[in-house]
Amino acid sequence: MLLPHPVAAFPPPHMRSQLLSLLCLSLCLPVAVARAQDSTAAAGKSVWQGVYTEAQAARGDTEQQNNCSACHGTEKYSGEAFTKAWVGRTAFDLFDQIKTTMPDDNPGGLSVQQYTDVVAYIFKINGMPAGADSLSSDPEALRRIKIDAKPAGRTAFGRSVPGAVGVSHLRSGQLRPMYHPHVSRSPMAMR
């Protein structure tokens, strides 16, 4: 029995280029899609660009008083504690952590809009400026909002101060453990 020549078993020349094109496309397309998604995330917005409205923060204040203040205050979500825990993360990270852990007696028990309003309130008490548009409750939109350190030259309430220096000791590569007000961690666990 004669075996076919190895070259004869390979597709004809006019099909080889089509197969090579398909192979290249199947290898390159996932890379192109991943790069497009990365550039979308990179094109996000900083919390210092006014990502919520005053009215939304006022609703969040009411929600905090009605649903949160019986168990804890805002001290863990404001000032240095907030900066240490959340700089380098996204608005979605904050939203998701609050939604999945609070209220303590009914995690996830509020509406998506109520949780979003609480996030807006947290941004307000940390001096992040309000803007013209409400904070979206869409997870993808929240993922594009970066919680950055206070820019140099800004006061706690978003006003510019010539020659002022912002928080520069926190970098996105130095993320802290997420905070939950009802879970205590030993100092060793936080390293």
Protein backbone atom coordinates (compact mmCIF):
# COMPACT_ATOMS: atom_id res chain seq x y z
CA MET A 1 0.00 0.00 0.00
CA LEU A 2 1.31 3.37 -0.98
CA LEU A 3 1.02 6.26 1.45
CA PRO A 4 0.29 9.72 0.09
CA HIS A 5 3.15 12.12 -0.09
CA PRO A 6 3.17 14.41 3.02
CA VAL A 7 2.98 17.56 0.90
CA ALA A 8 0.00 16.18 -1.02
CA ALA A 9 -1.91 15.75 2.27
CA PHE A 10 -1.44 19.44 3.12
CA PRO A 11 -4.14 21.78 1.80
CA PRO A 12 -3.65 23.21 -1.67
CA PRO A 13 -1.76 26.54 -1.89
CA HIS A 14 -4.86 28.71 -2.37
CA MET A 15 -6.36 27.28 0.88
CA ARG A 16 -3.15 27.63 2.87
CA SER A 17 -3.36 31.41 2.90
CA GLN A 18 -7.00 31.25 4.05
CA LEU A 19 -6.12 28.85 6.85
CA LEU A 20 -3.16 30.99 7.89
CA SER A 21 -5.42 34.06 7.94
CA LEU A 22 -7.95 32.25 10.14
CA LEU A 23 -5.22 31.09 12.48
CA CYS A 24 -3.83 34.63 12.83
CA LEU A 25 -7.30 36.05 13.38
CA SER A 26 -8.12 33.50 16.07
CA LEU A 27 -4.86 34.32 17.89
CA CYS A 28 -4.98 38.11 17.50
CA LEU A 29 -8.66 38.82 18.13
CA PRO A 30 -8.66 37.96 21.87
CA VAL A 31 -5.62 40.20 22.38
CA ALA A 32 -7.30 43.10 20.56
CA VAL A 33 -10.50 42.70 22.60
CA ALA A 34 -8.54 42.62 25.88
CA ARG A 35 -6.65 45.78 24.93
CA ALA A 36 -9.88 47.55 24.04
CA GLN A 37 -11.36 46.63 27.43
CA ASP A 38 -8.22 47.84 29.24
CA SER A 39 -8.32 51.17 27.41
CA THR A 40 -12.00 51.60 28.35
CA ALA A 41 -11.17 51.04 32.01
CA ALA A 42 -8.21 53.38 31.77
CA ALA A 43 -10.45 56.05 30.27
CA GLY A 44 -12.39 56.19 33.55
CA LYS A 45 -13.04 59.11 35.83
CA SER A 46 -11.62 60.15 39.18
CA VAL A 47 -13.85 60.75 42.19
CA TRP A 48 -12.31 64.23 42.24
CA GLN A 49 -14.13 65.08 38.98
CA GLY A 50 -17.61 65.34 40.50
CA VAL A 51 -19.18 61.90 40.07
CA TYR A 52 -22.33 62.41 42.19
CA THR A 53 -24.86 65.18 42.86
CA GLU A 54 -25.59 67.06 46.09
CA ALA A 55 -29.16 65.71 46.04
CA GLN A 56 -27.87 62.15 45.74
CA ALA A 57 -25.48 62.64 48.67
CA ALA A 58 -28.35 64.09 50.74
CA ARG A 59 -30.40 60.95 50.01
CA GLY A 60 -27.36 58.87 51.00
CA ASP A 61 -27.11 60.79 54.28
CA THR A 62 -30.74 59.92 55.01
CA GLU A 63 -30.12 56.25 54.12
CA GLN A 64 -27.06 56.19 56.37
CA GLN A 65 -29.05 57.63 59.28
CA ASN A 66 -31.97 55.23 58.73
CA ASN A 67 -30.04 52.02 57.98
CA CYS A 68 -26.45 52.31 59.19
CA SER A 69 -26.10 54.60 62.21
CA ALA A 70 -27.71 52.13 64.65
CA CYS A 71 -24.70 49.81 64.19
CA HIS A 72 -21.81 52.15 63.37
CA GLY A 73 -20.85 55.71 62.56
CA THR A 74 -19.03 57.04 59.54
CA GLU A 75 -15.56 57.06 61.14
CA LYS A 76 -14.41 53.97 59.20
CA TYR A 77 -15.61 55.48 55.94
CA SER A 78 -14.15 58.93 56.30
CA GLY A 79 -10.84 60.69 56.69
CA GLU A 80 -7.60 58.77 57.01
CA ALA A 81 -9.38 55.43 57.54
CA PHE A 82 -11.18 55.85 54.21
CA THR A 83 -8.00 56.95 52.45
CA LYS A 84 -6.02 53.98 53.73
CA ALA A 85 -8.71 51.45 52.85
CA TRP A 86 -10.03 52.76 49.53
CA VAL A 87 -7.45 54.79 47.59
CA GLY A 88 -6.52 52.76 44.51
CA ARG A 89 -9.84 50.97 44.36
CA THR A 90 -12.99 51.77 42.38
CA ALA A 91 -16.44 53.08 43.23
CA PHE A 92 -17.73 49.60 42.39
CA ASP A 93 -15.44 48.04 45.01
CA LEU A 94 -16.94 50.34 47.66
CA PHE A 95 -20.50 49.83 46.40
CA ASP A 96 -20.08 46.04 46.28
CA GLN A 97 -18.53 45.80 49.74
CA ILE A 98 -21.31 47.86 51.29
CA LYS A 99 -24.04 46.02 49.37
CA THR A 100 -22.78 42.55 50.31
CA THR A 101 -22.11 43.28 54.00
CA MET A 102 -24.67 45.87 55.13
CA PRO A 103 -26.93 46.45 56.85
CA ASP A 104 -25.43 43.99 59.28
CA ASP A 105 -28.78 42.35 59.99
CA ASN A 106 -29.84 42.28 56.31
CA PRO A 107 -26.90 42.44 53.83
CA GLY A 108 -28.16 43.36 50.37
CA GLY A 109 -31.51 44.38 51.82
CA LEU A 110 -31.53 47.89 50.37
CA SER A 111 -32.22 48.80 46.76
CA VAL A 112 -29.35 49.30 44.33
CA GLN A 113 -30.19 53.02 44.25
CA GLN A 114 -30.05 53.26 48.06
CA TYR A 115 -26.58 51.70 48.11
CA THR A 116 -25.47 54.03 45.31
CA ASP A 117 -26.73 57.03 47.28
CA VAL A 118 -24.78 55.86 50.35
CA VAL A 119 -21.62 55.69 48.22
CA ALA A 120 -22.31 59.27 47.05
CA TYR A 121 -22.69 60.33 50.69
CA ILE A 122 -19.36 58.67 51.57
CA PHE A 123 -17.68 60.58 48.74
CA LYS A 124 -19.20 63.82 50.06
CA ILE A 125 -18.04 63.32 53.67
CA ASN A 126 -14.55 62.72 52.31
CA GLY A 127 -14.53 66.09 50.57
CA MET A 128 -14.91 64.81 47.04
CA PRO A 129 -16.78 67.42 45.00
CA ALA A 130 -20.30 66.98 43.69
CA GLY A 131 -20.96 67.31 39.98
CA ALA A 132 -23.82 67.75 37.56
CA ASP A 133 -24.52 64.03 37.01
CA SER A 134 -25.69 61.45 39.54
CA LEU A 135 -23.49 58.52 40.42
CA SER A 136 -24.65 55.67 38.21
CA SER A 137 -25.77 52.39 39.73
CA ASP A 138 -24.49 50.50 36.67
CA PRO A 139 -21.65 48.16 37.78
CA GLU A 140 -19.54 48.86 34.67
CA ALA A 141 -19.86 52.62 35.13
CA LEU A 142 -18.89 52.26 38.81
CA ARG A 143 -15.84 50.18 37.83
CA ARG A 144 -14.59 53.10 35.71
CA ILE A 145 -14.64 55.52 38.67
CA LYS A 146 -11.33 55.43 40.47
CA ILE A 147 -10.98 56.40 44.11
CA ASP A 148 -7.81 58.45 43.94
CA ALA A 149 -5.80 60.22 46.60
CA LYS A 150 -6.63 63.87 47.03
CA PRO A 151 -4.83 65.76 44.25
CA ALA A 152 -2.16 68.26 45.20
CA GLY A 153 -3.58 71.73 45.60
CA ARG A 154 -7.05 70.68 46.83
CA THR A 155 -8.61 71.27 50.23
CA ALA A 156 -10.75 68.64 51.91
CA PHE A 157 -13.79 70.02 50.10
CA GLY A 158 -12.38 70.10 46.58
CA ARG A 159 -11.26 73.74 46.47
CA SER A 160 -7.89 74.59 44.98
CA VAL A 161 -5.12 75.90 47.19
CA PRO A 162 -1.97 77.16 45.44
CA GLY A 163 1.15 75.32 46.57
CA ALA A 164 -0.71 72.70 48.62
CA VAL A 165 0.49 69.11 48.60
CA GLY A 166 -1.87 66.13 48.26
CA VAL A 167 -1.69 62.60 49.59
CA SER A 168 1.21 61.05 47.75
CA HIS A 169 2.24 58.19 50.02
CA LEU A 170 -0.53 55.90 48.75
CA ARG A 171 -0.12 54.26 45.37
CA SER A 172 -2.56 51.95 43.62
CA GLY A 173 -0.08 49.10 44.12
CA GLN A 174 -0.33 49.43 47.92
CA LEU A 175 -3.91 48.35 48.52
CA ARG A 176 -5.06 47.83 52.07
CA PRO A 177 -7.39 45.08 53.24
CA MET A 178 -11.05 45.94 52.81
CA TYR A 179 -12.79 47.15 55.93
CA HIS A 180 -15.95 45.75 57.44
CA PRO A 181 -17.15 47.45 60.65
CA HIS A 182 -18.20 44.20 62.31
CA VAL A 183 -15.12 42.10 61.57
CA SER A 184 -11.99 42.69 63.58
CA ARG A 185 -8.61 41.69 62.23
CA SER A 186 -5.41 41.21 64.07
CA PRO A 187 -2.54 43.54 63.06
CA MET A 188 -0.73 40.52 61.57
CA ALA A 189 -3.68 39.71 59.29
CA MET A 190 -3.66 43.23 57.88
CA ARG A 191 -0.07 43.04 56.59
